[in-house]
Amino acid sequence: MSSNIAIVKDSSLFKSQPDPRMFGNSRNPTPGSEEAQNWNNENWLKSRFHFSFAEYRHGRPNFGPLRVANDDLVQPKRGFGTHPHANMEIVTYIVDGNLTHQDSMGTAETLTNGDVQFMTAGTGVRHSEHNLGDKPLRFIQMWFNPRQFNLKPNYGSFKGDAARRHNQWHHILTDVAHEAKEDSPPKDPVAKALAAVPIKINQDVNIFVTSLDKKKSLPFKVQPGRQAYVLCLDGDNVSLAEDVAFSKHDAATVTGGTELVVQSSEDSGAYILLIEVAQKQ
């Protein structure tokens, strides 16, 4: 089974630390200054690219419909000024800190630990994302190719639920095709469960999250014809199979027909985000 799991080490990821002027930010503070006291990185942004993106052109192009997975660390009072997107399903999971979002659809809200948002860029939308707080912000931003272009722009979010992800998988996102219709006949338990998933996008995608205590294990079966991209948000020496483990900022690819068992170590819990998609796109 371990041959069906490949670890993507943090050391292999491209680290982008762009000039703050690219996104309308002030200069980075001088290390040791009062403004820099709450910073945990000298540059305003440190972004780990899991796939080719922006200035990085030598990575993998995609993982099924998953086109972008960026692990972003944004320092206090900094962020991304207003910029456009089109024809992409954009999903953001907040790992730690506060993210303030505004867009051309009139949405304005601040999200925090465990919250998730989606944006159907469709025919075109402009938005900004800022860390207006006093502590660093970390989030995972994922872009998925939509099943069709030029959709009407849309936005939605869901407040994180620590209890529902504690030592169990919390299914936080699925395909809009599973959306319940008012005139639909009674559904089977699986269909009902999918209809209850809080976030839905225009692509065949499922996202799960879990936060494990120390020495806990949690299985996940990647069905034949499916595949999973698994991000270790936090944790050290988290086992996925015999002799296969990863740690914070690492990822893993899992092929269909694999029984994955996520097991935290004796010394560390584990915080895991799992993206499940069709094997061929």
Protein backbone atom coordinates (compact mmCIF):
# COMPACT_ATOMS: atom_id res chain seq x y z
CA MET A 1 0.00 0.00 0.00
CA SER A 2 2.84 2.42 0.75
CA SER A 3 3.73 2.43 -2.95
CA ASN A 4 0.41 4.20 -3.55
CA ILE A 5 1.43 7.07 -1.28
CA ALA A 6 4.09 9.59 -2.31
CA ILE A 7 5.36 12.24 0.11
CA VAL A 8 5.85 15.80 -1.13
CA LYS A 9 8.46 17.24 1.21
CA ASP A 10 8.38 20.86 2.30
CA SER A 11 11.98 21.14 1.11
CA SER A 12 10.78 20.46 -2.46
CA LEU A 13 8.20 23.28 -2.46
CA PHE A 14 8.95 26.64 -4.02
CA LYS A 15 8.99 29.45 -1.42
CA SER A 16 7.82 32.79 -2.77
CA GLN A 17 8.58 35.97 -0.84
CA PRO A 18 7.55 38.82 -3.16
CA ASP A 19 8.39 42.47 -2.79
CA PRO A 20 5.60 44.13 -0.76
CA ARG A 21 5.15 46.80 -3.42
CA MET A 22 3.68 44.13 -5.73
CA PHE A 23 0.46 44.13 -3.70
CA GLY A 24 0.35 47.69 -2.40
CA ASN A 25 1.93 47.01 1.00
CA SER A 26 4.19 49.20 3.07
CA ARG A 27 7.85 48.31 3.30
CA ASN A 28 8.79 45.44 5.58
CA PRO A 29 9.69 46.72 9.06
CA THR A 30 13.27 46.70 10.27
CA PRO A 31 13.98 43.49 12.22
CA GLY A 32 13.85 44.21 15.94
CA SER A 33 11.65 47.29 15.52
CA GLU A 34 8.38 47.74 17.41
CA GLU A 35 6.31 46.93 14.31
CA ALA A 36 8.23 43.72 13.74
CA GLN A 37 7.67 42.37 17.26
CA ASN A 38 4.72 40.16 16.28
CA TRP A 39 6.13 39.11 12.91
CA ASN A 40 7.41 35.55 12.46
CA ASN A 41 8.92 36.12 9.00
CA GLU A 42 11.03 39.06 7.81
CA ASN A 43 9.05 39.44 4.56
CA TRP A 44 5.34 40.34 4.62
CA LEU A 45 4.45 37.12 2.73
CA LYS A 46 5.94 33.65 2.57
CA SER A 47 4.02 31.39 0.22
CA ARG A 48 4.70 27.70 -0.38
CA PHE A 49 3.60 26.68 -3.89
CA HIS A 50 2.57 23.03 -4.26
CA PHE A 51 2.11 23.52 -8.02
CA SER A 52 3.38 25.89 -10.68
CA PHE A 53 2.11 29.38 -9.90
CA ALA A 54 3.05 33.04 -10.47
CA GLU A 55 6.84 33.25 -10.92
CA TYR A 56 7.33 29.49 -10.39
CA ARG A 57 7.04 27.56 -13.66
CA HIS A 58 8.88 24.32 -12.90
CA GLY A 59 6.43 22.52 -10.62
CA ARG A 60 3.60 20.12 -11.33
CA PRO A 61 0.82 21.76 -13.36
CA ASN A 62 -2.11 20.25 -11.42
CA PHE A 63 -3.54 17.32 -9.49
CA GLY A 64 -6.72 16.48 -11.34
CA PRO A 65 -8.88 19.64 -11.17
CA LEU A 66 -6.71 21.03 -8.35
CA ARG A 67 -4.68 23.71 -10.10
CA VAL A 68 -3.23 25.70 -7.17
CA ALA A 69 -2.49 24.92 -3.52
CA ASN A 70 -0.63 27.73 -1.78
CA ASP A 71 0.29 27.69 1.90
CA ASP A 72 0.40 31.44 2.67
CA LEU A 73 1.85 33.16 5.73
CA VAL A 74 0.86 36.85 5.88
CA GLN A 75 2.26 39.19 8.51
CA PRO A 76 0.17 41.70 10.51
CA LYS A 77 -1.22 44.78 8.74
CA ARG A 78 -0.34 43.40 5.31
CA GLY A 79 -2.23 41.66 2.52
CA PHE A 80 -3.26 41.41 -1.10
CA GLY A 81 -4.74 44.55 -2.60
CA THR A 82 -7.72 44.40 -4.95
CA HIS A 83 -7.06 42.13 -7.94
CA PRO A 84 -9.16 40.20 -10.49
CA HIS A 85 -9.98 36.53 -11.05
CA ALA A 86 -12.09 34.71 -13.64
CA ASN A 87 -13.16 31.15 -14.44
CA MET A 88 -11.79 29.51 -11.33
CA GLU A 89 -13.27 27.96 -8.16
CA ILE A 90 -11.22 29.46 -5.30
CA VAL A 91 -11.34 27.88 -1.84
CA THR A 92 -9.53 29.24 1.22
CA TYR A 93 -9.04 27.40 4.52
CA ILE A 94 -7.91 29.53 7.48
CA VAL A 95 -5.31 27.69 9.56
CA ASP A 96 -4.50 30.46 12.03
CA GLY A 97 -5.18 34.18 12.38
CA ASN A 98 -7.74 36.50 10.78
CA LEU A 99 -8.36 37.05 7.08
CA THR A 100 -10.49 40.01 5.96
CA HIS A 101 -12.09 39.54 2.55
CA GLN A 102 -13.83 42.15 0.36
CA ASP A 103 -15.04 41.70 -3.21
CA SER A 104 -16.87 43.36 -6.08
CA MET A 105 -20.03 41.36 -5.27
CA GLY A 106 -20.43 43.40 -2.10
CA THR A 107 -19.11 40.78 0.33
CA ALA A 108 -17.05 41.95 3.31
CA GLU A 109 -16.21 39.65 6.21
CA THR A 110 -13.39 38.46 8.45
CA LEU A 111 -12.68 34.75 8.81
CA THR A 112 -10.60 33.02 11.48
CA ASN A 113 -9.22 29.63 12.58
CA GLY A 114 -10.93 26.71 10.84
CA ASP A 115 -13.21 28.87 8.69
CA VAL A 116 -13.52 28.13 4.98
CA GLN A 117 -14.67 30.32 2.11
CA PHE A 118 -15.25 29.78 -1.60
CA MET A 119 -15.50 32.12 -4.54
CA THR A 120 -16.78 31.21 -7.98
CA ALA A 121 -14.86 33.75 -10.07
CA GLY A 122 -16.79 32.83 -13.22
CA THR A 123 -17.25 35.76 -15.60
CA GLY A 124 -15.04 37.91 -13.39
CA VAL A 125 -14.70 39.24 -9.86
CA ARG A 126 -12.30 41.52 -8.01
CA HIS A 127 -11.36 40.99 -4.39
CA SER A 128 -8.83 41.80 -1.68
CA GLU A 129 -7.50 39.73 1.23
CA HIS A 130 -5.79 41.32 4.24
CA ASN A 131 -4.48 40.46 7.66
CA LEU A 132 -5.72 43.42 9.68
CA GLY A 133 -4.88 41.74 12.98
CA ASP A 134 -1.84 41.91 15.23
CA LYS A 135 -0.70 38.32 14.70
CA PRO A 136 0.47 36.41 11.61
CA LEU A 137 -2.18 34.84 9.37
CA ARG A 138 -1.78 31.44 7.75
CA PHE A 139 -4.19 30.03 5.19
CA ILE A 140 -4.34 27.43 2.43
CA GLN A 141 -5.68 28.77 -0.85
CA MET A 142 -6.79 26.23 -3.44
CA TRP A 143 -7.87 26.87 -7.01
CA PHE A 144 -9.92 24.30 -8.91
CA ASN A 145 -10.69 24.34 -12.60
CA PRO A 146 -14.51 24.61 -12.89
CA ARG A 147 -16.53 22.12 -14.89
CA GLN A 148 -17.72 25.00 -17.09
CA PHE A 149 -16.60 28.54 -17.83
CA ASN A 150 -18.37 31.89 -17.51
CA LEU A 151 -20.49 30.98 -14.49
CA LYS A 152 -22.17 33.72 -12.50
CA PRO A 153 -19.78 34.94 -9.75
CA ASN A 154 -20.67 33.67 -6.29
CA TYR A 155 -19.27 33.73 -2.74
CA GLY A 156 -19.92 31.74 0.42
CA SER A 157 -18.28 30.85 3.72
CA PHE A 158 -18.63 28.51 6.69
CA LYS A 159 -17.56 28.98 10.29
CA GLY A 160 -15.13 26.33 11.42
CA ASP A 161 -16.30 23.69 13.88
CA ALA A 162 -13.48 22.45 16.12
CA ALA A 163 -15.68 19.77 17.69
CA ARG A 164 -16.64 18.25 14.32
CA ARG A 165 -13.02 17.94 13.20
CA HIS A 166 -11.70 16.70 16.56
CA ASN A 167 -10.39 13.14 16.06
CA GLN A 168 -12.74 12.65 13.09
CA TRP A 169 -13.08 13.74 9.49
CA HIS A 170 -15.20 16.83 8.97
CA HIS A 171 -16.50 16.93 5.39
CA ILE A 172 -16.39 20.67 4.63
CA LEU A 173 -16.71 20.88 0.83
CA THR A 174 -18.26 18.88 -2.00
CA ASP A 175 -19.70 19.18 -5.51
CA VAL A 176 -22.63 21.55 -6.09
CA ALA A 177 -24.26 18.60 -7.86
CA HIS A 178 -25.03 17.25 -4.37
CA GLU A 179 -27.01 20.34 -3.40
CA ALA A 180 -30.43 19.47 -2.01
CA LYS A 181 -33.42 20.64 -4.05
CA GLU A 182 -36.67 21.60 -2.35
CA ASP A 183 -38.72 19.36 -4.64
CA SER A 184 -36.32 16.39 -4.44
CA PRO A 185 -37.70 13.05 -3.24
CA PRO A 186 -36.34 11.54 0.01
CA LYS A 187 -32.70 10.66 -0.44
CA ASP A 188 -30.59 7.76 0.76
CA PRO A 189 -28.25 8.38 3.76
CA VAL A 190 -25.19 9.04 1.58
CA ALA A 191 -27.02 11.61 -0.54
CA LYS A 192 -28.41 13.27 2.58
CA ALA A 193 -24.93 13.49 4.08
CA LEU A 194 -23.53 15.07 0.91
CA ALA A 195 -26.40 17.55 0.76
CA ALA A 196 -25.52 18.62 4.32
CA VAL A 197 -21.89 19.48 3.48
CA PRO A 198 -21.63 23.26 4.08
CA ILE A 199 -19.58 24.41 1.07
CA LYS A 200 -20.26 23.38 -2.53
CA ILE A 201 -18.35 24.31 -5.68
CA ASN A 202 -18.71 23.68 -9.40
CA GLN A 203 -16.38 20.70 -9.60
CA ASP A 204 -16.18 17.07 -8.46
CA VAL A 205 -14.16 17.75 -5.29
CA ASN A 206 -14.41 16.71 -1.64
CA ILE A 207 -12.40 18.33 1.16
CA PHE A 208 -12.08 16.90 4.65
CA VAL A 209 -10.25 18.22 7.71
CA THR A 210 -9.28 16.66 11.03
CA SER A 211 -7.41 17.67 14.16
CA LEU A 212 -6.02 14.64 15.97
CA ASP A 213 -4.82 14.40 19.55
CA LYS A 214 -1.56 12.59 20.26
CA LYS A 215 -1.51 8.85 19.56
CA LYS A 216 -4.77 8.88 17.58
CA SER A 217 -5.47 7.14 14.27
CA LEU A 218 -8.12 7.83 11.65
CA PRO A 219 -8.71 5.81 8.46
CA PHE A 220 -9.74 7.16 5.07
CA LYS A 221 -10.44 4.98 2.03
CA VAL A 222 -9.51 6.56 -1.29
CA GLN A 223 -11.92 4.78 -3.62
CA PRO A 224 -10.84 3.31 -6.99
CA GLY A 225 -10.96 5.99 -9.65
CA ARG A 226 -10.29 8.72 -7.07
CA GLN A 227 -7.11 10.28 -5.70
CA ALA A 228 -6.22 12.46 -2.72
CA TYR A 229 -3.83 15.30 -2.03
CA VAL A 230 -3.16 15.42 1.71
CA LEU A 231 -1.68 18.47 3.46
CA CYS A 232 -0.07 18.29 6.89
CA LEU A 233 -1.08 21.65 8.37
CA ASP A 234 0.59 20.81 11.67
CA GLY A 235 2.18 17.85 13.38
CA ASP A 236 5.44 15.94 13.38
CA ASN A 237 6.10 12.42 12.13
CA VAL A 238 2.45 11.79 11.24
CA SER A 239 2.11 8.25 9.88
CA LEU A 240 0.06 7.49 6.75
CA ALA A 241 1.09 3.86 6.32
CA GLU A 242 3.87 1.56 7.44
CA ASP A 243 7.19 3.40 6.99
CA VAL A 244 5.41 6.40 5.41
CA ALA A 245 5.13 9.61 7.44
CA PHE A 246 5.08 13.36 6.95
CA SER A 247 5.27 16.55 9.03
CA LYS A 248 4.15 20.17 9.04
CA HIS A 249 4.18 21.76 5.56
CA ASP A 250 4.66 18.38 3.83
CA ALA A 251 1.99 16.85 1.59
CA ALA A 252 1.20 13.42 0.17
CA THR A 253 -0.42 12.09 -2.98
CA VAL A 254 -2.60 9.00 -2.61
CA THR A 255 -3.87 6.91 -5.51
CA GLY A 256 -7.27 5.23 -5.72
CA GLY A 257 -7.97 1.96 -3.94
CA THR A 258 -5.76 2.89 -0.99
CA GLU A 259 -6.74 2.53 2.66
CA LEU A 260 -5.06 5.49 4.29
CA VAL A 261 -4.59 5.55 8.07
CA VAL A 262 -3.54 8.90 9.52
CA GLN A 263 -1.86 8.33 12.88
CA SER A 264 -0.41 11.05 15.10
CA SER A 265 2.77 10.42 17.06
CA GLU A 266 3.30 10.09 20.81
CA ASP A 267 4.80 13.58 20.90
CA SER A 268 2.59 15.53 18.52
CA GLY A 269 -1.02 15.84 17.45
CA ALA A 270 -1.88 16.25 13.78
CA TYR A 271 -3.87 18.79 11.76
CA ILE A 272 -4.70 17.41 8.31
CA LEU A 273 -6.50 18.76 5.22
CA LEU A 274 -7.45 16.13 2.64
CA ILE A 275 -8.52 17.00 -0.93
CA GLU A 276 -10.20 14.14 -2.81
CA VAL A 277 -10.82 14.35 -6.57
CA ALA A 278 -11.34 12.15 -9.62
CA GLN A 279 -8.18 10.33 -10.67
CA LYS A 280 -8.37 11.46 -14.30
CA GLN A 281 -9.26 14.99 -15.36
